[in-house]
Amino acid sequence: MNLLQQPRMTRWVGRLIIANAVVLLLLMTLFPALTPTLAFQPARAFRAPWTFVTYMFVHAGPLHLAFNMLMLFFLGPPVERRMTSRGFVRYYFFCGLGGAVLSLGLATVMPVAPFLGASAAVLGVAVAFAMYWPTAELMVFPIPIPIKARTLIGGIVLLDLTFAVIGRADGIAHWAHLGGALFGYLAFRFQEIAPRRPASPEAPAERVLVLKPEQRAAARDTLPPRPEGPRTRKDTAAQEMDRVLDKISALGITSLTPEERRFLDTIAQRKKNESH
């Protein structure tokens, strides 16, 4: 099963994408002055406690929004189906809260600039995907080869850590990203915030042997006899059908006797009745 080719949008992934898009539209058109009020600023976090949540729905522009929502769109639905909708939304906000909490803690020992965006929560979702399906292969444009989920997500976290430590001034809240990833990982370690549905057992592999018509009769001779039971009559009819089909394959339909033609008509009528 290819997890990323399941088309059905899940409940909370769809709601979160719509909510983020609507907030960006409103802030860009009707309420642009509200953006600083909704962003997370460690220096005034306790005077504006709503920003622990609202910053997740505010983006710097369409490209910022598109990057986060595309990642959520592709990785979120499998995670929500696995966690259940209630567990997923709880996990999502827990990871977003982690980005704010880690940044707030670091602000006591180093300067942390105000930030906004869903990146911390979305990276937490990506961590969940990598922990559920570590060997799932993901394609990332423009890289032409698939990358395993644990390698890709681990690489993103490592890059965030590297840029955060060296203090790269690129306008990206790397510490907030790391907070989301860290809280996502902790949620799995403690198994409280991210409840999991049992994974569906994979179907055992089946080996199918395709025989040519002339090989079927010989193959039947090598099979052990089936025990007698209520299916004996059906098995006999199936064997007769195989024999007639073998004859048609070898000699053509004109080779059938009147009895064999009547037998085919009877089977065809029976199948037609069963389908109604």
C-alpha atoms as a PDB file:
ATOM      1  CA  MET A   1       0.000   0.000   0.000  1.00  0.00           C
ATOM      2  CA  ASN A   2       1.308   3.411  -0.981  1.00  0.00           C
ATOM      3  CA  LEU A   3       0.346   5.681   1.905  1.00  0.00           C
ATOM      4  CA  LEU A   4       0.815   8.866  -0.074  1.00  0.00           C
ATOM      5  CA  GLN A   5      -1.488   7.778  -2.897  1.00  0.00           C
ATOM      6  CA  GLN A   6      -4.571   7.446  -0.703  1.00  0.00           C
ATOM      7  CA  PRO A   7      -6.740  10.252  -2.085  1.00  0.00           C
ATOM      8  CA  ARG A   8      -9.223  10.773   0.775  1.00  0.00           C
ATOM      9  CA  MET A   9      -8.621  13.958   2.733  1.00  0.00           C
ATOM     10  CA  THR A  10      -8.992  13.434   6.470  1.00  0.00           C
ATOM     11  CA  ARG A  11     -11.171  15.602   8.694  1.00  0.00           C
ATOM     12  CA  TRP A  12      -8.655  17.625  10.672  1.00  0.00           C
ATOM     13  CA  VAL A  13      -6.008  17.947   7.985  1.00  0.00           C
ATOM     14  CA  GLY A  14      -8.635  19.529   5.744  1.00  0.00           C
ATOM     15  CA  ARG A  15      -9.890  21.820   8.512  1.00  0.00           C
ATOM     16  CA  LEU A  16      -6.385  22.969   9.416  1.00  0.00           C
ATOM     17  CA  ILE A  17      -5.491  23.753   5.800  1.00  0.00           C
ATOM     18  CA  ILE A  18      -8.696  25.746   5.336  1.00  0.00           C
ATOM     19  CA  ALA A  19      -8.250  27.596   8.637  1.00  0.00           C
ATOM     20  CA  ASN A  20      -4.681  28.611   7.804  1.00  0.00           C
ATOM     21  CA  ALA A  21      -5.670  29.781   4.319  1.00  0.00           C
ATOM     22  CA  VAL A  22      -8.614  31.810   5.625  1.00  0.00           C
ATOM     23  CA  VAL A  23      -6.518  33.481   8.345  1.00  0.00           C
ATOM     24  CA  LEU A  24      -3.843  34.465   5.823  1.00  0.00           C
ATOM     25  CA  LEU A  25      -6.477  35.908   3.475  1.00  0.00           C
ATOM     26  CA  LEU A  26      -8.072  37.939   6.271  1.00  0.00           C
ATOM     27  CA  LEU A  27      -4.745  39.252   7.537  1.00  0.00           C
ATOM     28  CA  MET A  28      -3.610  40.235   4.039  1.00  0.00           C
ATOM     29  CA  THR A  29      -6.849  42.032   3.189  1.00  0.00           C
ATOM     30  CA  LEU A  30      -8.928  43.190   6.155  1.00  0.00           C
ATOM     31  CA  PHE A  31      -6.791  42.957   9.297  1.00  0.00           C
ATOM     32  CA  PRO A  32      -3.078  43.346   8.423  1.00  0.00           C
ATOM     33  CA  ALA A  33      -2.403  45.192  11.695  1.00  0.00           C
ATOM     34  CA  LEU A  34      -3.330  42.085  13.714  1.00  0.00           C
ATOM     35  CA  THR A  35      -0.360  40.023  12.555  1.00  0.00           C
ATOM     36  CA  PRO A  36       2.057  41.170  15.314  1.00  0.00           C
ATOM     37  CA  THR A  37      -0.670  40.623  17.910  1.00  0.00           C
ATOM     38  CA  LEU A  38      -1.120  36.984  16.848  1.00  0.00           C
ATOM     39  CA  ALA A  39       2.564  36.125  16.373  1.00  0.00           C
ATOM     40  CA  PHE A  40       4.544  34.562  19.242  1.00  0.00           C
ATOM     41  CA  GLN A  41       6.921  36.926  20.992  1.00  0.00           C
ATOM     42  CA  PRO A  42       8.780  35.370  23.944  1.00  0.00           C
ATOM     43  CA  ALA A  43       9.202  38.761  25.634  1.00  0.00           C
ATOM     44  CA  ARG A  44       5.443  39.194  26.012  1.00  0.00           C
ATOM     45  CA  ALA A  45       4.254  35.591  25.924  1.00  0.00           C
ATOM     46  CA  PHE A  46       2.655  35.675  29.385  1.00  0.00           C
ATOM     47  CA  ARG A  47       0.967  38.999  28.675  1.00  0.00           C
ATOM     48  CA  ALA A  48      -0.481  37.532  25.475  1.00  0.00           C
ATOM     49  CA  PRO A  49      -1.059  33.854  26.267  1.00  0.00           C
ATOM     50  CA  TRP A  50      -3.284  33.353  23.198  1.00  0.00           C
ATOM     51  CA  THR A  51      -0.179  33.593  21.034  1.00  0.00           C
ATOM     52  CA  PHE A  52       0.883  30.097  22.173  1.00  0.00           C
ATOM     53  CA  VAL A  53      -1.870  28.913  19.785  1.00  0.00           C
ATOM     54  CA  THR A  54      -2.558  31.745  17.356  1.00  0.00           C
ATOM     55  CA  TYR A  55       0.986  31.901  15.999  1.00  0.00           C
ATOM     56  CA  MET A  56       0.380  28.500  14.349  1.00  0.00           C
ATOM     57  CA  PHE A  57      -2.255  30.037  12.068  1.00  0.00           C
ATOM     58  CA  VAL A  58      -0.339  33.145  10.964  1.00  0.00           C
ATOM     59  CA  HIS A  59       2.034  33.041   7.989  1.00  0.00           C
ATOM     60  CA  ALA A  60       4.397  35.556   6.439  1.00  0.00           C
ATOM     61  CA  GLY A  61       2.891  35.149   2.976  1.00  0.00           C
ATOM     62  CA  PRO A  62       1.454  32.708   0.409  1.00  0.00           C
ATOM     63  CA  LEU A  63       4.757  30.869  -0.147  1.00  0.00           C
ATOM     64  CA  HIS A  64       5.248  30.318   3.573  1.00  0.00           C
ATOM     65  CA  LEU A  65       1.684  29.008   3.827  1.00  0.00           C
ATOM     66  CA  ALA A  66       2.014  26.827   0.722  1.00  0.00           C
ATOM     67  CA  PHE A  67       5.163  25.093   1.964  1.00  0.00           C
ATOM     68  CA  ASN A  68       3.657  24.214   5.329  1.00  0.00           C
ATOM     69  CA  MET A  69       0.262  23.165   3.984  1.00  0.00           C
ATOM     70  CA  LEU A  70       1.729  20.994   1.215  1.00  0.00           C
ATOM     71  CA  MET A  71       3.756  19.113   3.808  1.00  0.00           C
ATOM     72  CA  LEU A  72       0.658  18.732   5.965  1.00  0.00           C
ATOM     73  CA  PHE A  73      -1.437  17.676   2.950  1.00  0.00           C
ATOM     74  CA  PHE A  74       0.904  14.844   1.978  1.00  0.00           C
ATOM     75  CA  LEU A  75       2.019  13.557   5.381  1.00  0.00           C
ATOM     76  CA  GLY A  76      -0.945  14.448   7.591  1.00  0.00           C
ATOM     77  CA  PRO A  77      -3.761  12.155   6.329  1.00  0.00           C
ATOM     78  CA  PRO A  78      -1.917   8.848   6.946  1.00  0.00           C
ATOM     79  CA  VAL A  79      -0.964  10.051  10.431  1.00  0.00           C
ATOM     80  CA  GLU A  80      -4.525  11.152  11.236  1.00  0.00           C
ATOM     81  CA  ARG A  81      -5.950   7.838  10.005  1.00  0.00           C
ATOM     82  CA  ARG A  82      -3.490   6.020  12.245  1.00  0.00           C
ATOM     83  CA  MET A  83      -3.996   8.222  15.326  1.00  0.00           C
ATOM     84  CA  THR A  84      -7.745   8.839  14.888  1.00  0.00           C
ATOM     85  CA  SER A  85      -8.943  12.424  14.323  1.00  0.00           C
ATOM     86  CA  ARG A  86      -9.150  13.258  18.022  1.00  0.00           C
ATOM     87  CA  GLY A  87      -5.641  12.010  18.718  1.00  0.00           C
ATOM     88  CA  PHE A  88      -4.268  13.775  15.660  1.00  0.00           C
ATOM     89  CA  VAL A  89      -5.568  17.255  16.470  1.00  0.00           C
ATOM     90  CA  ARG A  90      -4.371  16.882  20.048  1.00  0.00           C
ATOM     91  CA  TYR A  91      -0.951  15.816  18.813  1.00  0.00           C
ATOM     92  CA  TYR A  92      -0.805  18.656  16.256  1.00  0.00           C
ATOM     93  CA  PHE A  93      -1.427  21.371  18.848  1.00  0.00           C
ATOM     94  CA  PHE A  94       0.917  19.688  21.310  1.00  0.00           C
ATOM     95  CA  CYS A  95       3.745  19.912  18.755  1.00  0.00           C
ATOM     96  CA  GLY A  96       2.865  23.531  17.955  1.00  0.00           C
ATOM     97  CA  LEU A  97       2.901  24.319  21.655  1.00  0.00           C
ATOM     98  CA  GLY A  98       6.317  22.680  21.834  1.00  0.00           C
ATOM     99  CA  GLY A  99       7.726  25.190  19.372  1.00  0.00           C
ATOM    100  CA  ALA A 100       6.577  28.070  21.568  1.00  0.00           C
ATOM    101  CA  VAL A 101       7.637  26.475  24.859  1.00  0.00           C
ATOM    102  CA  LEU A 102      11.176  25.645  23.711  1.00  0.00           C
ATOM    103  CA  SER A 103      11.623  29.125  22.278  1.00  0.00           C
ATOM    104  CA  LEU A 104      10.325  30.674  25.497  1.00  0.00           C
ATOM    105  CA  GLY A 105      12.770  28.642  27.559  1.00  0.00           C
ATOM    106  CA  LEU A 106      15.708  29.562  25.330  1.00  0.00           C
ATOM    107  CA  ALA A 107      14.736  33.231  25.474  1.00  0.00           C
ATOM    108  CA  THR A 108      15.955  33.280  29.093  1.00  0.00           C
ATOM    109  CA  VAL A 109      19.529  32.632  27.979  1.00  0.00           C
ATOM    110  CA  MET A 110      19.679  33.961  24.406  1.00  0.00           C
ATOM    111  CA  PRO A 111      17.752  36.345  22.162  1.00  0.00           C
ATOM    112  CA  VAL A 112      14.815  34.753  20.333  1.00  0.00           C
ATOM    113  CA  ALA A 113      13.023  36.823  17.709  1.00  0.00           C
ATOM    114  CA  PRO A 114       9.210  36.793  17.351  1.00  0.00           C
ATOM    115  CA  PHE A 115       7.974  34.140  14.938  1.00  0.00           C
ATOM    116  CA  LEU A 116       4.850  32.793  13.303  1.00  0.00           C
ATOM    117  CA  GLY A 117       3.721  29.882  11.159  1.00  0.00           C
ATOM    118  CA  ALA A 118       2.609  26.259  11.431  1.00  0.00           C
ATOM    119  CA  SER A 119       6.080  24.840  10.817  1.00  0.00           C
ATOM    120  CA  ALA A 120       6.580  23.489  14.352  1.00  0.00           C
ATOM    121  CA  ALA A 121       3.269  21.622  14.342  1.00  0.00           C
ATOM    122  CA  VAL A 122       3.763  20.369  10.789  1.00  0.00           C
ATOM    123  CA  LEU A 123       7.280  19.152  11.521  1.00  0.00           C
ATOM    124  CA  GLY A 124       5.831  17.284  14.490  1.00  0.00           C
ATOM    125  CA  VAL A 125       3.415  15.585  12.071  1.00  0.00           C
ATOM    126  CA  ALA A 126       6.364  14.717   9.834  1.00  0.00           C
ATOM    127  CA  VAL A 127       8.144  13.151  12.819  1.00  0.00           C
ATOM    128  CA  ALA A 128       5.037  11.070  13.510  1.00  0.00           C
ATOM    129  CA  PHE A 129       4.996   9.900   9.882  1.00  0.00           C
ATOM    130  CA  ALA A 130       8.664   8.901  10.089  1.00  0.00           C
ATOM    131  CA  MET A 131       8.088   7.001  13.342  1.00  0.00           C
ATOM    132  CA  TYR A 132       5.050   5.135  12.028  1.00  0.00           C
ATOM    133  CA  TRP A 133       6.518   4.338   8.601  1.00  0.00           C
ATOM    134  CA  PRO A 134      10.294   4.857   8.772  1.00  0.00           C
ATOM    135  CA  THR A 135      11.036   3.015   5.528  1.00  0.00           C
ATOM    136  CA  ALA A 136       8.285   4.635   3.429  1.00  0.00           C
ATOM    137  CA  GLU A 137       9.865   6.181   0.333  1.00  0.00           C
ATOM    138  CA  LEU A 138       9.168   9.862  -0.366  1.00  0.00           C
ATOM    139  CA  MET A 139       9.917  11.893  -3.475  1.00  0.00           C
ATOM    140  CA  VAL A 140      11.125  15.466  -2.967  1.00  0.00           C
ATOM    141  CA  PHE A 141      11.458  17.802  -5.919  1.00  0.00           C
ATOM    142  CA  PRO A 142      13.995  18.212  -7.518  1.00  0.00           C
ATOM    143  CA  ILE A 143      15.741  15.122  -6.070  1.00  0.00           C
ATOM    144  CA  PRO A 144      15.213  12.350  -8.668  1.00  0.00           C
ATOM    145  CA  ILE A 145      15.404   9.407  -6.288  1.00  0.00           C
ATOM    146  CA  PRO A 146      13.077   8.327  -3.444  1.00  0.00           C
ATOM    147  CA  ILE A 147      14.238   8.949   0.109  1.00  0.00           C
ATOM    148  CA  LYS A 148      13.173   6.945   3.139  1.00  0.00           C
ATOM    149  CA  ALA A 149      10.991   8.879   5.563  1.00  0.00           C
ATOM    150  CA  ARG A 150      13.334   8.488   8.525  1.00  0.00           C
ATOM    151  CA  THR A 151      16.253   9.776   6.412  1.00  0.00           C
ATOM    152  CA  LEU A 152      14.365  12.752   4.995  1.00  0.00           C
ATOM    153  CA  ILE A 153      12.728  13.891   8.238  1.00  0.00           C
ATOM    154  CA  GLY A 154      15.899  13.210  10.215  1.00  0.00           C
ATOM    155  CA  GLY A 155      17.826  15.321   7.693  1.00  0.00           C
ATOM    156  CA  ILE A 156      15.377  18.213   8.051  1.00  0.00           C
ATOM    157  CA  VAL A 157      15.683  18.124  11.838  1.00  0.00           C
ATOM    158  CA  LEU A 158      19.493  17.995  11.585  1.00  0.00           C
ATOM    159  CA  LEU A 159      19.541  21.007   9.265  1.00  0.00           C
ATOM    160  CA  ASP A 160      17.323  22.958  11.641  1.00  0.00           C
ATOM    161  CA  LEU A 161      19.616  22.081  14.522  1.00  0.00           C
ATOM    162  CA  THR A 162      22.721  23.100  12.575  1.00  0.00           C
ATOM    163  CA  PHE A 163      21.276  26.452  11.484  1.00  0.00           C
ATOM    164  CA  ALA A 164      19.937  27.121  14.981  1.00  0.00           C
ATOM    165  CA  VAL A 165      23.303  26.460  16.637  1.00  0.00           C
ATOM    166  CA  ILE A 166      25.312  28.586  14.219  1.00  0.00           C
ATOM    167  CA  GLY A 167      22.721  31.351  14.511  1.00  0.00           C
ATOM    168  CA  ARG A 168      22.044  31.680  10.804  1.00  0.00           C
ATOM    169  CA  ALA A 169      20.069  34.872  10.167  1.00  0.00           C
ATOM    170  CA  ASP A 170      17.681  33.556   7.519  1.00  0.00           C
ATOM    171  CA  GLY A 171      14.405  34.653   9.101  1.00  0.00           C
ATOM    172  CA  ILE A 172      13.419  31.054   9.916  1.00  0.00           C
ATOM    173  CA  ALA A 173      12.489  30.045  13.468  1.00  0.00           C
ATOM    174  CA  HIS A 174      14.714  26.973  13.623  1.00  0.00           C
ATOM    175  CA  TRP A 175      14.390  26.614  17.395  1.00  0.00           C
ATOM    176  CA  ALA A 176      10.608  26.583  17.092  1.00  0.00           C
ATOM    177  CA  HIS A 177      10.855  23.853  14.453  1.00  0.00           C
ATOM    178  CA  LEU A 178      13.047  21.826  16.774  1.00  0.00           C
ATOM    179  CA  GLY A 179      10.550  22.332  19.598  1.00  0.00           C
ATOM    180  CA  GLY A 180       7.769  20.858  17.459  1.00  0.00           C
ATOM    181  CA  ALA A 181       9.916  17.887  16.465  1.00  0.00           C
ATOM    182  CA  LEU A 182      11.066  17.338  20.058  1.00  0.00           C
ATOM    183  CA  PHE A 183       7.558  17.416  21.506  1.00  0.00           C
ATOM    184  CA  GLY A 184       6.374  15.062  18.770  1.00  0.00           C
ATOM    185  CA  TYR A 185       9.135  12.623  19.650  1.00  0.00           C
ATOM    186  CA  LEU A 186       8.355  12.902  23.368  1.00  0.00           C
ATOM    187  CA  ALA A 187       4.685  12.248  22.683  1.00  0.00           C
ATOM    188  CA  PHE A 188       5.617   8.919  21.136  1.00  0.00           C
ATOM    189  CA  ARG A 189       8.020   8.089  23.928  1.00  0.00           C
ATOM    190  CA  PHE A 190       5.392   8.590  26.605  1.00  0.00           C
ATOM    191  CA  GLN A 191       2.456   7.346  24.494  1.00  0.00           C
ATOM    192  CA  GLU A 192       0.009   9.823  25.981  1.00  0.00           C
ATOM    193  CA  ILE A 193      -0.485  12.557  23.409  1.00  0.00           C
ATOM    194  CA  ALA A 194      -0.244  10.358  20.317  1.00  0.00           C
ATOM    195  CA  PRO A 195      -2.551   7.348  20.788  1.00  0.00           C
ATOM    196  CA  ARG A 196      -2.226   4.850  17.987  1.00  0.00           C
ATOM    197  CA  ARG A 197      -4.659   2.576  16.293  1.00  0.00           C
ATOM    198  CA  PRO A 198      -3.281  -0.915  15.912  1.00  0.00           C
ATOM    199  CA  ALA A 199      -1.679  -1.189  12.514  1.00  0.00           C
ATOM    200  CA  SER A 200      -3.669  -3.284  10.074  1.00  0.00           C
ATOM    201  CA  PRO A 201      -1.980  -6.666   9.719  1.00  0.00           C
ATOM    202  CA  GLU A 202      -0.393  -7.019   6.336  1.00  0.00           C
ATOM    203  CA  ALA A 203      -1.832  -9.717   4.116  1.00  0.00           C
ATOM    204  CA  PRO A 204       0.503 -12.676   3.698  1.00  0.00           C
ATOM    205  CA  ALA A 205       2.240 -12.887   0.364  1.00  0.00           C
ATOM    206  CA  GLU A 206       0.631 -15.269  -2.078  1.00  0.00           C
ATOM    207  CA  ARG A 207       2.348 -17.228  -4.786  1.00  0.00           C
ATOM    208  CA  VAL A 208       0.247 -17.725  -7.891  1.00  0.00           C
ATOM    209  CA  LEU A 209       1.200 -20.439 -10.314  1.00  0.00           C
ATOM    210  CA  VAL A 210      -0.169 -19.917 -13.834  1.00  0.00           C
ATOM    211  CA  LEU A 211      -0.530 -23.079 -15.814  1.00  0.00           C
ATOM    212  CA  LYS A 212      -1.012 -23.459 -19.533  1.00  0.00           C
ATOM    213  CA  PRO A 213      -4.155 -25.393 -20.586  1.00  0.00           C
ATOM    214  CA  GLU A 214      -2.214 -28.489 -21.481  1.00  0.00           C
ATOM    215  CA  GLN A 215      -0.565 -28.461 -18.042  1.00  0.00           C
ATOM    216  CA  ARG A 216      -3.779 -28.362 -16.003  1.00  0.00           C
ATOM    217  CA  ALA A 217      -4.696 -32.006 -16.282  1.00  0.00           C
ATOM    218  CA  ALA A 218      -1.209 -33.097 -15.285  1.00  0.00           C
ATOM    219  CA  ALA A 219      -1.231 -30.709 -12.351  1.00  0.00           C
ATOM    220  CA  ARG A 220      -4.540 -32.105 -11.114  1.00  0.00           C
ATOM    221  CA  ASP A 221      -3.060 -35.577 -10.976  1.00  0.00           C
ATOM    222  CA  THR A 222      -0.379 -34.401  -8.551  1.00  0.00           C
ATOM    223  CA  LEU A 223      -2.785 -32.785  -6.059  1.00  0.00           C
ATOM    224  CA  PRO A 224      -3.831 -34.751  -2.963  1.00  0.00           C
ATOM    225  CA  PRO A 225      -7.462 -35.903  -2.993  1.00  0.00           C
ATOM    226  CA  ARG A 226      -9.882 -33.475  -1.351  1.00  0.00           C
ATOM    227  CA  PRO A 227     -11.961 -34.713   1.565  1.00  0.00           C
ATOM    228  CA  GLU A 228     -15.619 -35.440   0.804  1.00  0.00           C
ATOM    229  CA  GLY A 229     -18.059 -32.855   2.087  1.00  0.00           C
ATOM    230  CA  PRO A 230     -20.848 -30.488   1.115  1.00  0.00           C
ATOM    231  CA  ARG A 231     -18.643 -28.797  -1.493  1.00  0.00           C
ATOM    232  CA  THR A 232     -18.101 -31.997  -3.468  1.00  0.00           C
ATOM    233  CA  ARG A 233     -20.823 -31.174  -6.011  1.00  0.00           C
ATOM    234  CA  LYS A 234     -19.452 -27.678  -6.592  1.00  0.00           C
ATOM    235  CA  ASP A 235     -15.927 -29.063  -6.944  1.00  0.00           C
ATOM    236  CA  THR A 236     -17.137 -31.587  -9.529  1.00  0.00           C
ATOM    237  CA  ALA A 237     -18.820 -28.831 -11.537  1.00  0.00           C
ATOM    238  CA  ALA A 238     -15.652 -26.737 -11.361  1.00  0.00           C
ATOM    239  CA  GLN A 239     -13.578 -29.653 -12.595  1.00  0.00           C
ATOM    240  CA  GLU A 240     -15.995 -30.234 -15.463  1.00  0.00           C
ATOM    241  CA  MET A 241     -15.812 -26.547 -16.344  1.00  0.00           C
ATOM    242  CA  ASP A 242     -11.997 -26.747 -16.403  1.00  0.00           C
ATOM    243  CA  ARG A 243     -12.178 -29.765 -18.689  1.00  0.00           C
ATOM    244  CA  VAL A 244     -14.563 -28.058 -21.115  1.00  0.00           C
ATOM    245  CA  LEU A 245     -12.464 -24.881 -21.172  1.00  0.00           C
ATOM    246  CA  ASP A 246      -9.335 -26.928 -21.813  1.00  0.00           C
ATOM    247  CA  LYS A 247     -11.083 -28.580 -24.737  1.00  0.00           C
ATOM    248  CA  ILE A 248     -12.153 -25.219 -26.179  1.00  0.00           C
ATOM    249  CA  SER A 249      -8.607 -23.896 -25.781  1.00  0.00           C
ATOM    250  CA  ALA A 250      -7.096 -26.907 -27.526  1.00  0.00           C
ATOM    251  CA  LEU A 251      -9.655 -27.731 -30.253  1.00  0.00           C
ATOM    252  CA  GLY A 252     -12.009 -24.762 -30.489  1.00  0.00           C
ATOM    253  CA  ILE A 253     -15.643 -24.309 -29.465  1.00  0.00           C
ATOM    254  CA  THR A 254     -16.912 -26.324 -32.438  1.00  0.00           C
ATOM    255  CA  SER A 255     -15.442 -29.440 -30.876  1.00  0.00           C
ATOM    256  CA  LEU A 256     -17.981 -29.421 -28.004  1.00  0.00           C
ATOM    257  CA  THR A 257     -20.660 -32.102 -27.847  1.00  0.00           C
ATOM    258  CA  PRO A 258     -24.335 -31.141 -27.351  1.00  0.00           C
ATOM    259  CA  GLU A 259     -24.077 -32.233 -23.702  1.00  0.00           C
ATOM    260  CA  GLU A 260     -21.066 -29.985 -23.141  1.00  0.00           C
ATOM    261  CA  ARG A 261     -22.849 -27.028 -24.758  1.00  0.00           C
ATOM    262  CA  ARG A 262     -25.867 -27.575 -22.509  1.00  0.00           C
ATOM    263  CA  PHE A 263     -23.530 -27.736 -19.508  1.00  0.00           C
ATOM    264  CA  LEU A 264     -22.038 -24.323 -20.427  1.00  0.00           C
ATOM    265  CA  ASP A 265     -25.514 -22.841 -20.902  1.00  0.00           C
ATOM    266  CA  THR A 266     -26.566 -24.158 -17.478  1.00  0.00           C
ATOM    267  CA  ILE A 267     -23.511 -22.642 -15.760  1.00  0.00           C
ATOM    268  CA  ALA A 268     -24.017 -19.315 -17.548  1.00  0.00           C
ATOM    269  CA  GLN A 269     -27.693 -19.162 -16.493  1.00  0.00           C
ATOM    270  CA  ARG A 270     -26.778 -20.024 -12.906  1.00  0.00           C
ATOM    271  CA  LYS A 271     -24.166 -17.217 -12.774  1.00  0.00           C
ATOM    272  CA  LYS A 272     -26.699 -14.795 -14.245  1.00  0.00           C
ATOM    273  CA  ASN A 273     -29.286 -15.705 -11.577  1.00  0.00           C
ATOM    274  CA  GLU A 274     -26.725 -15.343  -8.775  1.00  0.00           C
ATOM    275  CA  SER A 275     -25.809 -11.837  -9.955  1.00  0.00           C
ATOM    276  CA  HIS A 276     -29.450 -10.611  -9.684  1.00  0.00           C
END
